[in-house]
Amino acid sequence: MRLGDFKLVLGPEEGTRELFDLQHDPQEREELTAAEPVRAAELEKRIADWLSENRRDVTAPDPTSHEDLERLRALGYVK
């Protein structure tokens, strides 16, 4: 997530949270989460809000139409 000159990188699988000031540190060498906890929290909230508004349920696939099932049967994918 970028907001102005700041960029927050979240790695939920790794448990990482990194904040950078791209104007003063374009190479992203100085991690600022501890120095800027309020800014990091604001960006993290924006990410959470965006995800809650835009996340789709990937566990429930769209139902397959009758025509698509027939095509899959003809190709040998469905019995």
PDB file of N, CA and C in Angstrom:
ATOM      1  N   MET A   1       0.856  -1.162   0.000  1.00  0.00           N
ATOM      2  CA  MET A   1       0.000   0.000   0.000  1.00  0.00           C
ATOM      3  C   MET A   1       0.899   1.220   0.000  1.00  0.00           C
ATOM      4  N   ARG A   2       0.622   2.125  -0.943  1.00  0.00           N
ATOM      5  CA  ARG A   2       1.352   3.393  -0.975  1.00  0.00           C
ATOM      6  C   ARG A   2       0.386   4.518  -0.677  1.00  0.00           C
ATOM      7  N   LEU A   3       0.852   5.450   0.132  1.00  0.00           N
ATOM      8  CA  LEU A   3       0.099   6.651   0.437  1.00  0.00           C
ATOM      9  C   LEU A   3       1.103   7.787   0.522  1.00  0.00           C
ATOM     10  N   GLY A   4       1.038   8.672  -0.446  1.00  0.00           N
ATOM     11  CA  GLY A   4       2.038   9.732  -0.506  1.00  0.00           C
ATOM     12  C   GLY A   4       3.410   9.136  -0.717  1.00  0.00           C
ATOM     13  N   ASP A   5       4.341   9.526   0.130  1.00  0.00           N
ATOM     14  CA  ASP A   5       5.716   9.034   0.009  1.00  0.00           C
ATOM     15  C   ASP A   5       5.949   7.737   0.764  1.00  0.00           C
ATOM     16  N   PHE A   6       4.937   7.254   1.472  1.00  0.00           N
ATOM     17  CA  PHE A   6       5.123   6.074   2.310  1.00  0.00           C
ATOM     18  C   PHE A   6       4.560   4.819   1.659  1.00  0.00           C
ATOM     19  N   LYS A   7       5.233   3.719   1.920  1.00  0.00           N
ATOM     20  CA  LYS A   7       4.837   2.421   1.374  1.00  0.00           C
ATOM     21  C   LYS A   7       4.881   1.399   2.506  1.00  0.00           C
ATOM     22  N   LEU A   8       3.771   0.670   2.671  1.00  0.00           N
ATOM     23  CA  LEU A   8       3.712  -0.400   3.655  1.00  0.00           C
ATOM     24  C   LEU A   8       3.625  -1.724   2.912  1.00  0.00           C
ATOM     25  N   VAL A   9       4.485  -2.655   3.301  1.00  0.00           N
ATOM     26  CA  VAL A   9       4.502  -3.982   2.708  1.00  0.00           C
ATOM     27  C   VAL A   9       4.134  -4.975   3.799  1.00  0.00           C
ATOM     28  N   LEU A  10       3.056  -5.729   3.573  1.00  0.00           N
ATOM     29  CA  LEU A  10       2.647  -6.764   4.519  1.00  0.00           C
ATOM     30  C   LEU A  10       2.930  -8.127   3.903  1.00  0.00           C
ATOM     31  N   GLY A  11       3.466  -9.002   4.702  1.00  0.00           N
ATOM     32  CA  GLY A  11       3.692 -10.392   4.300  1.00  0.00           C
ATOM     33  C   GLY A  11       3.021 -11.285   5.312  1.00  0.00           C
ATOM     34  N   PRO A  12       1.704 -11.505   5.186  1.00  0.00           N
ATOM     35  CA  PRO A  12       0.993 -12.274   6.211  1.00  0.00           C
ATOM     36  C   PRO A  12       1.524 -13.691   6.383  1.00  0.00           C
ATOM     37  N   GLU A  13       1.970 -14.311   5.303  1.00  0.00           N
ATOM     38  CA  GLU A  13       2.495 -15.668   5.414  1.00  0.00           C
ATOM     39  C   GLU A  13       3.784 -15.695   6.235  1.00  0.00           C
ATOM     40  N   GLU A  14       4.599 -14.653   6.077  1.00  0.00           N
ATOM     41  CA  GLU A  14       5.870 -14.578   6.782  1.00  0.00           C
ATOM     42  C   GLU A  14       5.741 -13.834   8.106  1.00  0.00           C
ATOM     43  N   GLY A  15       4.623 -13.134   8.301  1.00  0.00           N
ATOM     44  CA  GLY A  15       4.441 -12.332   9.503  1.00  0.00           C
ATOM     45  C   GLY A  15       5.248 -11.045   9.477  1.00  0.00           C
ATOM     46  N   THR A  16       5.460 -10.490   8.278  1.00  0.00           N
ATOM     47  CA  THR A  16       6.262  -9.280   8.160  1.00  0.00           C
ATOM     48  C   THR A  16       5.382  -8.060   7.937  1.00  0.00           C
ATOM     49  N   ARG A  17       5.896  -6.916   8.366  1.00  0.00           N
ATOM     50  CA  ARG A  17       5.230  -5.616   8.228  1.00  0.00           C
ATOM     51  C   ARG A  17       6.338  -4.581   8.105  1.00  0.00           C
ATOM     52  N   GLU A  18       6.489  -3.974   6.916  1.00  0.00           N
ATOM     53  CA  GLU A  18       7.600  -3.069   6.664  1.00  0.00           C
ATOM     54  C   GLU A  18       7.085  -1.749   6.096  1.00  0.00           C
ATOM     55  N   LEU A  19       7.548  -0.656   6.686  1.00  0.00           N
ATOM     56  CA  LEU A  19       7.173   0.690   6.248  1.00  0.00           C
ATOM     57  C   LEU A  19       8.414   1.409   5.747  1.00  0.00           C
ATOM     58  N   PHE A  20       8.265   2.083   4.594  1.00  0.00           N
ATOM     59  CA  PHE A  20       9.379   2.819   4.006  1.00  0.00           C
ATOM     60  C   PHE A  20       8.927   4.209   3.590  1.00  0.00           C
ATOM     61  N   ASP A  21       9.840   5.168   3.676  1.00  0.00           N
ATOM     62  CA  ASP A  21       9.626   6.527   3.181  1.00  0.00           C
ATOM     63  C   ASP A  21      10.352   6.604   1.845  1.00  0.00           C
ATOM     64  N   LEU A  22       9.615   6.516   0.759  1.00  0.00           N
ATOM     65  CA  LEU A  22      10.226   6.415  -0.571  1.00  0.00           C
ATOM     66  C   LEU A  22      10.898   7.705  -1.020  1.00  0.00           C
ATOM     67  N   GLN A  23      10.468   8.844  -0.485  1.00  0.00           N
ATOM     68  CA  GLN A  23      11.121  10.098  -0.868  1.00  0.00           C
ATOM     69  C   GLN A  23      12.540  10.159  -0.309  1.00  0.00           C
ATOM     70  N   HIS A  24      12.696   9.773   0.948  1.00  0.00           N
ATOM     71  CA  HIS A  24      14.002   9.844   1.592  1.00  0.00           C
ATOM     72  C   HIS A  24      14.806   8.546   1.489  1.00  0.00           C
ATOM     73  N   ASP A  25      14.147   7.465   1.106  1.00  0.00           N
ATOM     74  CA  ASP A  25      14.801   6.153   1.047  1.00  0.00           C
ATOM     75  C   ASP A  25      14.232   5.344  -0.122  1.00  0.00           C
ATOM     76  N   PRO A  26      14.499   5.771  -1.357  1.00  0.00           N
ATOM     77  CA  PRO A  26      13.909   5.083  -2.513  1.00  0.00           C
ATOM     78  C   PRO A  26      14.384   3.635  -2.679  1.00  0.00           C
ATOM     79  N   GLN A  27      15.511   3.264  -2.064  1.00  0.00           N
ATOM     80  CA  GLN A  27      16.005   1.889  -2.157  1.00  0.00           C
ATOM     81  C   GLN A  27      15.380   0.985  -1.100  1.00  0.00           C
ATOM     82  N   GLU A  28      14.532   1.550  -0.236  1.00  0.00           N
ATOM     83  CA  GLU A  28      13.836   0.805   0.821  1.00  0.00           C
ATOM     84  C   GLU A  28      14.827   0.055   1.719  1.00  0.00           C
ATOM     85  N   ARG A  29      15.790   0.778   2.240  1.00  0.00           N
ATOM     86  CA  ARG A  29      16.800   0.180   3.113  1.00  0.00           C
ATOM     87  C   ARG A  29      16.496   0.395   4.593  1.00  0.00           C
ATOM     88  N   GLU A  30      15.766   1.487   4.923  1.00  0.00           N
ATOM     89  CA  GLU A  30      15.486   1.812   6.323  1.00  0.00           C
ATOM     90  C   GLU A  30      14.022   1.517   6.638  1.00  0.00           C
ATOM     91  N   GLU A  31      13.791   0.468   7.381  1.00  0.00           N
ATOM     92  CA  GLU A  31      12.445   0.044   7.759  1.00  0.00           C
ATOM     93  C   GLU A  31      11.970   0.921   8.921  1.00  0.00           C
ATOM     94  N   LEU A  32      10.764   1.535   8.784  1.00  0.00           N
ATOM     95  CA  LEU A  32      10.315   2.568   9.716  1.00  0.00           C
ATOM     96  C   LEU A  32       9.115   2.194  10.589  1.00  0.00           C
ATOM     97  N   THR A  33       8.714   0.951  10.641  1.00  0.00           N
ATOM     98  CA  THR A  33       7.521   0.583  11.409  1.00  0.00           C
ATOM     99  C   THR A  33       7.638   1.008  12.869  1.00  0.00           C
ATOM    100  N   ALA A  34       8.776   0.770  13.501  1.00  0.00           N
ATOM    101  CA  ALA A  34       8.952   1.136  14.908  1.00  0.00           C
ATOM    102  C   ALA A  34       8.985   2.652  15.093  1.00  0.00           C
ATOM    103  N   ALA A  35       9.551   3.370  14.134  1.00  0.00           N
ATOM    104  CA  ALA A  35       9.656   4.827  14.237  1.00  0.00           C
ATOM    105  C   ALA A  35       8.358   5.535  13.868  1.00  0.00           C
ATOM    106  N   GLU A  36       7.506   4.898  13.077  1.00  0.00           N
ATOM    107  CA  GLU A  36       6.255   5.502  12.583  1.00  0.00           C
ATOM    108  C   GLU A  36       5.081   4.550  12.808  1.00  0.00           C
ATOM    109  N   PRO A  37       4.812   4.131  14.056  1.00  0.00           N
ATOM    110  CA  PRO A  37       3.757   3.137  14.279  1.00  0.00           C
ATOM    111  C   PRO A  37       2.360   3.616  13.892  1.00  0.00           C
ATOM    112  N   VAL A  38       2.069   4.897  14.063  1.00  0.00           N
ATOM    113  CA  VAL A  38       0.739   5.415  13.722  1.00  0.00           C
ATOM    114  C   VAL A  38       0.538   5.366  12.209  1.00  0.00           C
ATOM    115  N   ARG A  39       1.536   5.787  11.463  1.00  0.00           N
ATOM    116  CA  ARG A  39       1.442   5.770   9.997  1.00  0.00           C
ATOM    117  C   ARG A  39       1.328   4.331   9.490  1.00  0.00           C
ATOM    118  N   ALA A  40       2.111   3.422  10.075  1.00  0.00           N
ATOM    119  CA  ALA A  40       2.047   2.016   9.676  1.00  0.00           C
ATOM    120  C   ALA A  40       0.658   1.453   9.958  1.00  0.00           C
ATOM    121  N   ALA A  41       0.088   1.778  11.115  1.00  0.00           N
ATOM    122  CA  ALA A  41      -1.246   1.291  11.465  1.00  0.00           C
ATOM    123  C   ALA A  41      -2.305   1.853  10.525  1.00  0.00           C
ATOM    124  N   GLU A  42      -2.162   3.119  10.135  1.00  0.00           N
ATOM    125  CA  GLU A  42      -3.119   3.729   9.203  1.00  0.00           C
ATOM    126  C   GLU A  42      -3.101   3.013   7.850  1.00  0.00           C
ATOM    127  N   LEU A  43      -1.924   2.746   7.343  1.00  0.00           N
ATOM    128  CA  LEU A  43      -1.820   2.061   6.058  1.00  0.00           C
ATOM    129  C   LEU A  43      -2.320   0.622   6.163  1.00  0.00           C
ATOM    130  N   GLU A  44      -2.033  -0.031   7.275  1.00  0.00           N
ATOM    131  CA  GLU A  44      -2.504  -1.401   7.454  1.00  0.00           C
ATOM    132  C   GLU A  44      -4.034  -1.441   7.513  1.00  0.00           C
ATOM    133  N   LYS A  45      -4.644  -0.448   8.154  1.00  0.00           N
ATOM    134  CA  LYS A  45      -6.105  -0.370   8.198  1.00  0.00           C
ATOM    135  C   LYS A  45      -6.676  -0.150   6.805  1.00  0.00           C
ATOM    136  N   ARG A  46      -6.031   0.680   6.011  1.00  0.00           N
ATOM    137  CA  ARG A  46      -6.489   0.895   4.636  1.00  0.00           C
ATOM    138  C   ARG A  46      -6.435  -0.398   3.829  1.00  0.00           C
ATOM    139  N   ILE A  47      -5.390  -1.183   4.041  1.00  0.00           N
ATOM    140  CA  ILE A  47      -5.281  -2.478   3.355  1.00  0.00           C
ATOM    141  C   ILE A  47      -6.419  -3.393   3.801  1.00  0.00           C
ATOM    142  N   ALA A  48      -6.655  -3.470   5.108  1.00  0.00           N
ATOM    143  CA  ALA A  48      -7.724  -4.329   5.631  1.00  0.00           C
ATOM    144  C   ALA A  48      -9.082  -3.890   5.106  1.00  0.00           C
ATOM    145  N   ASP A  49      -9.323  -2.575   5.053  1.00  0.00           N
ATOM    146  CA  ASP A  49     -10.596  -2.065   4.530  1.00  0.00           C
ATOM    147  C   ASP A  49     -10.764  -2.438   3.062  1.00  0.00           C
ATOM    148  N   TRP A  50      -9.698  -2.263   2.280  1.00  0.00           N
ATOM    149  CA  TRP A  50      -9.773  -2.588   0.860  1.00  0.00           C
ATOM    150  C   TRP A  50     -10.040  -4.082   0.664  1.00  0.00           C
ATOM    151  N   LEU A  51      -9.335  -4.919   1.423  1.00  0.00           N
ATOM    152  CA  LEU A  51      -9.534  -6.361   1.298  1.00  0.00           C
ATOM    153  C   LEU A  51     -10.957  -6.763   1.664  1.00  0.00           C
ATOM    154  N   SER A  52     -11.506  -6.168   2.713  1.00  0.00           N
ATOM    155  CA  SER A  52     -12.868  -6.540   3.119  1.00  0.00           C
ATOM    156  C   SER A  52     -13.888  -6.118   2.077  1.00  0.00           C
ATOM    157  N   GLU A  53     -13.610  -5.045   1.344  1.00  0.00           N
ATOM    158  CA  GLU A  53     -14.528  -4.577   0.304  1.00  0.00           C
ATOM    159  C   GLU A  53     -14.360  -5.317  -1.019  1.00  0.00           C
ATOM    160  N   ASN A  54     -13.175  -5.864  -1.263  1.00  0.00           N
ATOM    161  CA  ASN A  54     -12.876  -6.419  -2.586  1.00  0.00           C
ATOM    162  C   ASN A  54     -12.575  -7.909  -2.607  1.00  0.00           C
ATOM    163  N   ARG A  55     -12.509  -8.538  -1.478  1.00  0.00           N
ATOM    164  CA  ARG A  55     -12.188  -9.968  -1.441  1.00  0.00           C
ATOM    165  C   ARG A  55     -13.392 -10.773  -1.908  1.00  0.00           C
ATOM    166  N   ARG A  56     -13.136 -11.714  -2.773  1.00  0.00           N
ATOM    167  CA  ARG A  56     -14.188 -12.616  -3.231  1.00  0.00           C
ATOM    168  C   ARG A  56     -14.013 -13.956  -2.554  1.00  0.00           C
ATOM    169  N   ASP A  57     -15.098 -14.658  -2.418  1.00  0.00           N
ATOM    170  CA  ASP A  57     -15.045 -15.997  -1.829  1.00  0.00           C
ATOM    171  C   ASP A  57     -14.522 -16.948  -2.889  1.00  0.00           C
ATOM    172  N   VAL A  58     -13.268 -17.338  -2.754  1.00  0.00           N
ATOM    173  CA  VAL A  58     -12.662 -18.210  -3.755  1.00  0.00           C
ATOM    174  C   VAL A  58     -12.945 -19.681  -3.476  1.00  0.00           C
ATOM    175  N   THR A  59     -13.562 -19.987  -2.339  1.00  0.00           N
ATOM    176  CA  THR A  59     -13.852 -21.382  -2.038  1.00  0.00           C
ATOM    177  C   THR A  59     -15.121 -21.866  -2.718  1.00  0.00           C
ATOM    178  N   ALA A  60     -15.982 -20.964  -3.160  1.00  0.00           N
ATOM    179  CA  ALA A  60     -17.237 -21.355  -3.800  1.00  0.00           C
ATOM    180  C   ALA A  60     -17.184 -20.981  -5.281  1.00  0.00           C
ATOM    181  N   PRO A  61     -16.856 -21.934  -6.142  1.00  0.00           N
ATOM    182  CA  PRO A  61     -16.780 -21.617  -7.567  1.00  0.00           C
ATOM    183  C   PRO A  61     -18.165 -21.324  -8.135  1.00  0.00           C
ATOM    184  N   ASP A  62     -18.157 -20.609  -9.240  1.00  0.00           N
ATOM    185  CA  ASP A  62     -19.416 -20.344  -9.927  1.00  0.00           C
ATOM    186  C   ASP A  62     -20.010 -21.671 -10.387  1.00  0.00           C
ATOM    187  N   PRO A  63     -21.325 -21.793 -10.304  1.00  0.00           N
ATOM    188  CA  PRO A  63     -21.940 -23.044 -10.771  1.00  0.00           C
ATOM    189  C   PRO A  63     -21.714 -23.222 -12.268  1.00  0.00           C
ATOM    190  N   THR A  64     -21.475 -24.456 -12.658  1.00  0.00           N
ATOM    191  CA  THR A  64     -21.251 -24.767 -14.060  1.00  0.00           C
ATOM    192  C   THR A  64     -22.590 -24.919 -14.761  1.00  0.00           C
ATOM    193  N   SER A  65     -22.715 -24.239 -15.888  1.00  0.00           N
ATOM    194  CA  SER A  65     -23.972 -24.307 -16.630  1.00  0.00           C
ATOM    195  C   SER A  65     -24.150 -25.695 -17.258  1.00  0.00           C
ATOM    196  N   HIS A  66     -25.382 -26.014 -17.605  1.00  0.00           N
ATOM    197  CA  HIS A  66     -25.699 -27.291 -18.260  1.00  0.00           C
ATOM    198  C   HIS A  66     -24.920 -27.416 -19.567  1.00  0.00           C
ATOM    199  N   GLU A  67     -24.841 -26.324 -20.313  1.00  0.00           N
ATOM    200  CA  GLU A  67     -24.134 -26.352 -21.602  1.00  0.00           C
ATOM    201  C   GLU A  67     -22.644 -26.628 -21.397  1.00  0.00           C
ATOM    202  N   ASP A  68     -22.065 -25.998 -20.383  1.00  0.00           N
ATOM    203  CA  ASP A  68     -20.641 -26.236 -20.112  1.00  0.00           C
ATOM    204  C   ASP A  68     -20.396 -27.676 -19.676  1.00  0.00           C
ATOM    205  N   LEU A  69     -21.307 -28.239 -18.862  1.00  0.00           N
ATOM    206  CA  LEU A  69     -21.170 -29.640 -18.467  1.00  0.00           C
ATOM    207  C   LEU A  69     -21.208 -30.558 -19.672  1.00  0.00           C
ATOM    208  N   GLU A  70     -22.097 -30.271 -20.611  1.00  0.00           N
ATOM    209  CA  GLU A  70     -22.187 -31.089 -21.826  1.00  0.00           C
ATOM    210  C   GLU A  70     -20.906 -30.991 -22.640  1.00  0.00           C
ATOM    211  N   ARG A  71     -20.339 -29.807 -22.732  1.00  0.00           N
ATOM    212  CA  ARG A  71     -19.082 -29.635 -23.466  1.00  0.00           C
ATOM    213  C   ARG A  71     -17.957 -30.424 -22.778  1.00  0.00           C
ATOM    214  N   LEU A  72     -17.921 -30.346 -21.450  1.00  0.00           N
ATOM    215  CA  LEU A  72     -16.894 -31.088 -20.699  1.00  0.00           C
ATOM    216  C   LEU A  72     -17.081 -32.592 -20.867  1.00  0.00           C
ATOM    217  N   ARG A  73     -18.312 -33.064 -20.898  1.00  0.00           N
ATOM    218  CA  ARG A  73     -18.588 -34.492 -21.135  1.00  0.00           C
ATOM    219  C   ARG A  73     -18.090 -34.901 -22.516  1.00  0.00           C
ATOM    220  N   ALA A  74     -18.371 -34.050 -23.503  1.00  0.00           N
ATOM    221  CA  ALA A  74     -17.960 -34.355 -24.873  1.00  0.00           C
ATOM    222  C   ALA A  74     -16.426 -34.434 -24.983  1.00  0.00           C
ATOM    223  N   LEU A  75     -15.738 -33.671 -24.159  1.00  0.00           N
ATOM    224  CA  LEU A  75     -14.279 -33.690 -24.174  1.00  0.00           C
ATOM    225  C   LEU A  75     -13.693 -34.798 -23.294  1.00  0.00           C
ATOM    226  N   GLY A  76     -14.552 -35.475 -22.527  1.00  0.00           N
ATOM    227  CA  GLY A  76     -14.104 -36.563 -21.678  1.00  0.00           C
ATOM    228  C   GLY A  76     -13.657 -36.157 -20.286  1.00  0.00           C
ATOM    229  N   TYR A  77     -13.914 -34.908 -19.915  1.00  0.00           N
ATOM    230  CA  TYR A  77     -13.510 -34.438 -18.587  1.00  0.00           C
ATOM    231  C   TYR A  77     -14.521 -34.792 -17.504  1.00  0.00           C
ATOM    232  N   VAL A  78     -15.787 -34.974 -17.896  1.00  0.00           N
ATOM    233  CA  VAL A  78     -16.857 -35.264 -16.935  1.00  0.00           C
ATOM    234  C   VAL A  78     -17.574 -36.506 -17.433  1.00  0.00           C
ATOM    235  N   LYS A  79     -17.939 -37.387 -16.490  1.00  0.00           N
ATOM    236  CA  LYS A  79     -18.686 -38.591 -16.872  1.00  0.00           C
ATOM    237  C   LYS A  79     -20.138 -38.431 -16.547  1.00  0.00           C
TER     238      LYS A  79
END
